Structure formats: C-alpha cells, structure tokens
Amino acid sequence: RTAALLFTGSCGWLLALGVYGLARRSAGVRPSAGGALLLVAAAPFQSSLAVMADGFTAALTLGAAAVFGRWMEKPSGGAALAFGGLAALALLAKGTAAPLALVPAAGLLLSGRLA
C-alpha cells in the first residue's frame, strides 16, 4: 500500500513539474508555479491519483507531447524516438493515451509541413 501511494504521488508531482517546465517558457516563473500548484490541489487531480495508472499515463502523455513539440521546432531522430517510446509507454499503461497517435498528424497538418 505504501509503495502504491508513493508511486501515484510521484507521478502526480512529475506531472506538475512537467506543467511548470512547459508553462515557464511562455508565462514566467510565478504563473507557472501557481498553475502547477493549482493542478496538484485540484479535487479531480486528487481523486484521479486513486487509480494508479492515471497520473502515470498523464505524465507520459505530457512528456510525449512536449518531445513532439521539440521535434516540430528542430527535427531529430532522438526526439522522434523519444516521442515514440513515451507514447508507447503511455498507451501500454492505459488505453486513454490512444489520442497520442493523432498528435503527429495533427501537428504536421496544422503547421503546414504536410503540404
């Protein structure tokens, strides 16, 4: 029981740190820290951590989306492999990560690279 609580709590804080890191680039330190703290304090976030795979899947999904964004800025094989690995892990953790399969197509279509 203790290990499960530590795992879910760690995944939740990993997700909050990911949100902070991504938001800090565009919003600054204070708004990003506030957003991460609001995420952790929110009731839906607290209840979703009761199911072990939700926080883990959310952290992997956020990581995969961030890596794909980095690949869109500067394409590299490492970023592509990292996206594929994180997306595969997220999908294996829980099927709710299936929309990650649409991220590359949507990113390429919206950026105009798939012309």
N, C-alpha and C. Protein backbone atom coordinates (compact mmCIF):
# COMPACT_ATOMS: atom_id res chain seq x y z
N ARG A 1 0.82 -1.20 0.00
CA ARG A 1 0.00 0.00 0.00
C ARG A 1 0.86 1.26 0.00
N THR A 2 1.92 1.27 0.76
CA THR A 2 2.79 2.44 0.82
C THR A 2 3.47 2.67 -0.52
N ALA A 3 3.93 1.59 -1.14
CA ALA A 3 4.60 1.73 -2.44
C ALA A 3 3.64 2.28 -3.49
N ALA A 4 2.40 1.84 -3.47
CA ALA A 4 1.41 2.34 -4.43
C ALA A 4 1.15 3.82 -4.22
N LEU A 5 1.03 4.24 -2.97
CA LEU A 5 0.81 5.67 -2.69
C LEU A 5 2.01 6.52 -3.09
N LEU A 6 3.21 6.01 -2.83
CA LEU A 6 4.41 6.74 -3.24
C LEU A 6 4.50 6.85 -4.76
N PHE A 7 4.14 5.78 -5.45
CA PHE A 7 4.19 5.78 -6.92
C PHE A 7 3.20 6.79 -7.49
N THR A 8 1.96 6.75 -7.02
CA THR A 8 0.97 7.68 -7.56
C THR A 8 1.29 9.12 -7.20
N GLY A 9 1.78 9.34 -5.98
CA GLY A 9 2.18 10.70 -5.59
C GLY A 9 3.34 11.21 -6.42
N SER A 10 4.31 10.34 -6.68
CA SER A 10 5.46 10.73 -7.50
C SER A 10 5.03 11.05 -8.93
N CYS A 11 4.12 10.27 -9.47
CA CYS A 11 3.63 10.55 -10.82
C CYS A 11 2.88 11.87 -10.87
N GLY A 12 2.11 12.17 -9.83
CA GLY A 12 1.40 13.45 -9.78
C GLY A 12 2.35 14.63 -9.73
N TRP A 13 3.38 14.53 -8.91
CA TRP A 13 4.34 15.63 -8.83
C TRP A 13 5.18 15.72 -10.09
N LEU A 14 5.45 14.58 -10.74
CA LEU A 14 6.16 14.61 -12.02
C LEU A 14 5.32 15.34 -13.07
N LEU A 15 4.03 15.10 -13.06
CA LEU A 15 3.13 15.80 -13.97
C LEU A 15 3.12 17.30 -13.67
N ALA A 16 3.06 17.65 -12.39
CA ALA A 16 3.06 19.07 -12.02
C ALA A 16 4.37 19.75 -12.42
N LEU A 17 5.49 19.06 -12.25
CA LEU A 17 6.77 19.62 -12.69
C LEU A 17 6.83 19.79 -14.20
N GLY A 18 6.23 18.85 -14.92
CA GLY A 18 6.17 18.97 -16.38
C GLY A 18 5.35 20.17 -16.81
N VAL A 19 4.22 20.36 -16.16
CA VAL A 19 3.37 21.52 -16.46
C VAL A 19 4.14 22.80 -16.16
N TYR A 20 4.82 22.84 -15.02
CA TYR A 20 5.61 24.01 -14.65
C TYR A 20 6.69 24.28 -15.69
N GLY A 21 7.42 23.25 -16.08
CA GLY A 21 8.51 23.43 -17.03
C GLY A 21 8.05 23.92 -18.38
N LEU A 22 6.92 23.39 -18.84
CA LEU A 22 6.40 23.82 -20.14
C LEU A 22 5.81 25.22 -20.09
N ALA A 23 5.11 25.54 -19.01
CA ALA A 23 4.48 26.85 -18.91
C ALA A 23 5.50 27.95 -18.63
N ARG A 24 6.60 27.60 -17.98
CA ARG A 24 7.60 28.62 -17.62
C ARG A 24 8.21 29.27 -18.85
N ARG A 25 8.31 28.53 -19.94
CA ARG A 25 8.88 29.09 -21.17
C ARG A 25 8.07 30.26 -21.70
N SER A 26 6.76 30.21 -21.52
CA SER A 26 5.94 31.27 -22.10
C SER A 26 5.29 32.19 -21.07
N ALA A 27 5.09 31.72 -19.84
CA ALA A 27 4.35 32.52 -18.87
C ALA A 27 5.21 33.09 -17.76
N GLY A 28 6.39 32.57 -17.55
CA GLY A 28 7.21 33.04 -16.45
C GLY A 28 7.13 32.11 -15.25
N VAL A 29 7.93 32.43 -14.23
CA VAL A 29 8.08 31.53 -13.09
C VAL A 29 6.84 31.53 -12.20
N ARG A 30 6.37 32.69 -11.78
CA ARG A 30 5.26 32.74 -10.81
C ARG A 30 3.96 32.16 -11.36
N PRO A 31 3.51 32.56 -12.55
CA PRO A 31 2.27 31.96 -13.06
C PRO A 31 2.40 30.45 -13.28
N SER A 32 3.59 30.01 -13.68
CA SER A 32 3.78 28.58 -13.91
C SER A 32 3.74 27.80 -12.60
N ALA A 33 4.38 28.34 -11.57
CA ALA A 33 4.35 27.69 -10.26
C ALA A 33 2.93 27.67 -9.71
N GLY A 34 2.21 28.76 -9.88
CA GLY A 34 0.81 28.79 -9.45
C GLY A 34 -0.04 27.78 -10.17
N GLY A 35 0.17 27.64 -11.47
CA GLY A 35 -0.59 26.66 -12.25
C GLY A 35 -0.29 25.24 -11.82
N ALA A 36 0.98 24.95 -11.56
CA ALA A 36 1.36 23.61 -11.12
C ALA A 36 0.76 23.30 -9.75
N LEU A 37 0.78 24.29 -8.85
CA LEU A 37 0.19 24.08 -7.53
C LEU A 37 -1.32 23.92 -7.60
N LEU A 38 -1.97 24.69 -8.47
CA LEU A 38 -3.42 24.52 -8.65
C LEU A 38 -3.74 23.14 -9.21
N LEU A 39 -2.91 22.65 -10.11
CA LEU A 39 -3.12 21.31 -10.65
C LEU A 39 -3.07 20.27 -9.55
N VAL A 40 -2.06 20.36 -8.70
CA VAL A 40 -1.90 19.39 -7.62
C VAL A 40 -3.01 19.51 -6.58
N ALA A 41 -3.48 20.73 -6.33
CA ALA A 41 -4.50 20.94 -5.30
C ALA A 41 -5.92 20.67 -5.79
N ALA A 42 -6.13 20.55 -7.07
CA ALA A 42 -7.48 20.38 -7.62
C ALA A 42 -8.08 19.04 -7.19
N ALA A 43 -9.36 19.06 -6.89
CA ALA A 43 -10.06 17.85 -6.44
C ALA A 43 -10.05 16.74 -7.50
N PRO A 44 -10.29 17.04 -8.80
CA PRO A 44 -10.24 15.95 -9.78
C PRO A 44 -8.85 15.31 -9.87
N PHE A 45 -7.81 16.12 -9.69
CA PHE A 45 -6.45 15.58 -9.72
C PHE A 45 -6.24 14.65 -8.53
N GLN A 46 -6.70 15.05 -7.36
CA GLN A 46 -6.55 14.24 -6.16
C GLN A 46 -7.29 12.92 -6.30
N SER A 47 -8.49 12.95 -6.85
CA SER A 47 -9.26 11.71 -6.98
C SER A 47 -8.72 10.83 -8.10
N SER A 48 -8.11 11.42 -9.12
CA SER A 48 -7.58 10.60 -10.21
C SER A 48 -6.33 9.86 -9.79
N LEU A 49 -5.64 10.35 -8.76
CA LEU A 49 -4.46 9.64 -8.28
C LEU A 49 -4.81 8.38 -7.52
N ALA A 50 -6.09 8.19 -7.18
CA ALA A 50 -6.50 6.97 -6.51
C ALA A 50 -6.34 5.77 -7.44
N VAL A 51 -6.45 6.00 -8.73
CA VAL A 51 -6.22 4.96 -9.72
C VAL A 51 -4.78 5.10 -10.17
N MET A 52 -3.99 4.08 -9.98
CA MET A 52 -2.54 4.21 -10.18
C MET A 52 -2.14 4.65 -11.57
N ALA A 53 -2.79 4.16 -12.59
CA ALA A 53 -2.33 4.41 -13.95
C ALA A 53 -2.65 5.81 -14.45
N ASP A 54 -3.57 6.53 -13.84
CA ASP A 54 -3.97 7.82 -14.38
C ASP A 54 -2.86 8.87 -14.32
N GLY A 55 -2.24 9.04 -13.19
CA GLY A 55 -1.16 10.01 -13.07
C GLY A 55 0.04 9.63 -13.92
N PHE A 56 0.35 8.35 -13.94
CA PHE A 56 1.47 7.84 -14.75
C PHE A 56 1.20 8.09 -16.23
N THR A 57 -0.01 7.77 -16.67
CA THR A 57 -0.36 7.98 -18.08
C THR A 57 -0.35 9.46 -18.43
N ALA A 58 -0.86 10.29 -17.55
CA ALA A 58 -0.88 11.74 -17.82
C ALA A 58 0.54 12.29 -17.91
N ALA A 59 1.44 11.84 -17.04
CA ALA A 59 2.82 12.31 -17.08
C ALA A 59 3.51 11.86 -18.37
N LEU A 60 3.29 10.61 -18.77
CA LEU A 60 3.89 10.12 -20.02
C LEU A 60 3.30 10.84 -21.24
N THR A 61 2.01 11.09 -21.21
CA THR A 61 1.36 11.78 -22.33
C THR A 61 1.88 13.21 -22.46
N LEU A 62 2.00 13.90 -21.33
CA LEU A 62 2.55 15.26 -21.36
C LEU A 62 3.99 15.24 -21.87
N GLY A 63 4.77 14.29 -21.41
CA GLY A 63 6.16 14.16 -21.87
C GLY A 63 6.24 13.90 -23.37
N ALA A 64 5.39 13.01 -23.86
CA ALA A 64 5.39 12.70 -25.29
C ALA A 64 5.00 13.92 -26.11
N ALA A 65 4.00 14.65 -25.67
CA ALA A 65 3.57 15.85 -26.40
C ALA A 65 4.67 16.90 -26.39
N ALA A 66 5.37 17.05 -25.26
CA ALA A 66 6.46 18.03 -25.17
C ALA A 66 7.61 17.65 -26.09
N VAL A 67 7.94 16.37 -26.14
CA VAL A 67 9.02 15.91 -27.02
C VAL A 67 8.63 16.10 -28.48
N PHE A 68 7.36 15.86 -28.80
CA PHE A 68 6.93 16.08 -30.18
C PHE A 68 7.00 17.56 -30.54
N GLY A 69 6.65 18.42 -29.58
CA GLY A 69 6.80 19.86 -29.82
C GLY A 69 8.24 20.25 -30.07
N ARG A 70 9.15 19.63 -29.33
CA ARG A 70 10.58 19.89 -29.57
C ARG A 70 10.98 19.39 -30.96
N TRP A 71 10.44 18.24 -31.38
CA TRP A 71 10.75 17.72 -32.71
C TRP A 71 10.21 18.66 -33.79
N MET A 72 9.04 19.27 -33.54
CA MET A 72 8.48 20.20 -34.52
C MET A 72 9.38 21.42 -34.68
N GLU A 73 10.02 21.87 -33.58
CA GLU A 73 10.91 23.02 -33.66
C GLU A 73 12.22 22.66 -34.34
N LYS A 74 12.77 21.51 -34.03
CA LYS A 74 14.05 21.09 -34.58
C LYS A 74 14.03 19.57 -34.76
N PRO A 75 13.66 19.08 -35.95
CA PRO A 75 13.55 17.64 -36.16
C PRO A 75 14.87 16.90 -35.93
N SER A 76 14.78 15.82 -35.18
CA SER A 76 15.94 14.96 -34.94
C SER A 76 15.46 13.55 -34.69
N GLY A 77 16.33 12.61 -34.95
CA GLY A 77 15.99 11.21 -34.73
C GLY A 77 15.77 10.89 -33.27
N GLY A 78 16.55 11.52 -32.40
CA GLY A 78 16.41 11.27 -30.97
C GLY A 78 15.06 11.70 -30.44
N ALA A 79 14.60 12.87 -30.88
CA ALA A 79 13.30 13.36 -30.43
C ALA A 79 12.18 12.47 -30.97
N ALA A 80 12.32 12.00 -32.20
CA ALA A 80 11.31 11.11 -32.77
C ALA A 80 11.25 9.79 -32.01
N LEU A 81 12.41 9.24 -31.68
CA LEU A 81 12.44 8.00 -30.90
C LEU A 81 11.90 8.22 -29.49
N ALA A 82 12.21 9.35 -28.89
CA ALA A 82 11.70 9.64 -27.55
C ALA A 82 10.17 9.77 -27.58
N PHE A 83 9.64 10.44 -28.59
CA PHE A 83 8.18 10.53 -28.71
C PHE A 83 7.56 9.16 -28.85
N GLY A 84 8.12 8.36 -29.74
CA GLY A 84 7.57 7.02 -29.95
C GLY A 84 7.63 6.17 -28.69
N GLY A 85 8.74 6.25 -27.97
CA GLY A 85 8.88 5.47 -26.74
C GLY A 85 7.91 5.92 -25.65
N LEU A 86 7.82 7.24 -25.45
CA LEU A 86 6.91 7.76 -24.42
C LEU A 86 5.45 7.49 -24.79
N ALA A 87 5.11 7.63 -26.06
CA ALA A 87 3.74 7.36 -26.50
C ALA A 87 3.41 5.88 -26.32
N ALA A 88 4.35 5.01 -26.66
CA ALA A 88 4.12 3.57 -26.49
C ALA A 88 3.95 3.21 -25.02
N LEU A 89 4.80 3.77 -24.15
CA LEU A 89 4.67 3.51 -22.72
C LEU A 89 3.34 4.01 -22.19
N ALA A 90 2.92 5.19 -22.62
CA ALA A 90 1.64 5.74 -22.16
C ALA A 90 0.48 4.86 -22.61
N LEU A 91 0.54 4.38 -23.84
CA LEU A 91 -0.52 3.52 -24.35
C LEU A 91 -0.54 2.17 -23.65
N LEU A 92 0.65 1.66 -23.33
CA LEU A 92 0.70 0.40 -22.59
C LEU A 92 0.23 0.57 -21.15
N ALA A 93 0.44 1.74 -20.58
CA ALA A 93 -0.01 1.99 -19.21
C ALA A 93 -1.53 2.03 -19.13
N LYS A 94 -2.14 2.72 -20.07
CA LYS A 94 -3.60 2.84 -20.07
C LYS A 94 -4.06 3.26 -21.47
N GLY A 95 -5.14 2.69 -21.90
CA GLY A 95 -5.64 2.95 -23.25
C GLY A 95 -6.13 4.36 -23.50
N THR A 96 -6.28 5.16 -22.44
CA THR A 96 -6.75 6.53 -22.63
C THR A 96 -5.69 7.40 -23.31
N ALA A 97 -4.50 6.87 -23.50
CA ALA A 97 -3.44 7.62 -24.19
C ALA A 97 -3.52 7.43 -25.70
N ALA A 98 -4.52 6.72 -26.19
CA ALA A 98 -4.64 6.46 -27.62
C ALA A 98 -4.68 7.72 -28.49
N PRO A 99 -5.24 8.84 -28.04
CA PRO A 99 -5.21 10.04 -28.87
C PRO A 99 -3.80 10.55 -29.20
N LEU A 100 -2.79 10.07 -28.50
CA LEU A 100 -1.41 10.44 -28.85
C LEU A 100 -1.06 10.01 -30.27
N ALA A 101 -1.75 9.02 -30.79
CA ALA A 101 -1.49 8.58 -32.16
C ALA A 101 -1.85 9.67 -33.16
N LEU A 102 -2.74 10.59 -32.78
CA LEU A 102 -3.15 11.67 -33.68
C LEU A 102 -2.25 12.90 -33.60
N VAL A 103 -1.40 12.96 -32.59
CA VAL A 103 -0.56 14.15 -32.38
C VAL A 103 0.36 14.42 -33.57
N PRO A 104 1.10 13.44 -34.10
CA PRO A 104 1.98 13.75 -35.24
C PRO A 104 1.21 14.24 -36.48
N ALA A 105 0.11 13.58 -36.80
CA ALA A 105 -0.65 14.01 -37.97
C ALA A 105 -1.23 15.40 -37.78
N ALA A 106 -1.79 15.66 -36.61
CA ALA A 106 -2.37 16.98 -36.35
C ALA A 106 -1.28 18.05 -36.34
N GLY A 107 -0.13 17.75 -35.75
CA GLY A 107 0.97 18.73 -35.71
C GLY A 107 1.46 19.06 -37.11
N LEU A 108 1.61 18.05 -37.93
CA LEU A 108 2.10 18.31 -39.29
C LEU A 108 1.07 19.03 -40.14
N LEU A 109 -0.19 18.67 -39.98
CA LEU A 109 -1.24 19.36 -40.75
C LEU A 109 -1.41 20.81 -40.32
N LEU A 110 -1.42 21.06 -39.03
CA LEU A 110 -1.62 22.42 -38.53
C LEU A 110 -0.41 23.32 -38.80
N SER A 111 0.77 22.74 -38.88
CA SER A 111 1.95 23.56 -39.14
C SER A 111 2.17 23.81 -40.62
N GLY A 112 1.47 23.09 -41.47
CA GLY A 112 1.62 23.26 -42.91
C GLY A 112 2.79 22.50 -43.50
N ARG A 113 3.42 21.64 -42.73
CA ARG A 113 4.55 20.87 -43.24
C ARG A 113 4.12 19.71 -44.12
N LEU A 114 2.87 19.33 -44.03
CA LEU A 114 2.38 18.19 -44.79
C LEU A 114 1.62 18.71 -46.01
N ALA A 115 2.30 19.48 -46.81
CA ALA A 115 1.65 20.10 -47.96
C ALA A 115 1.87 19.29 -49.22
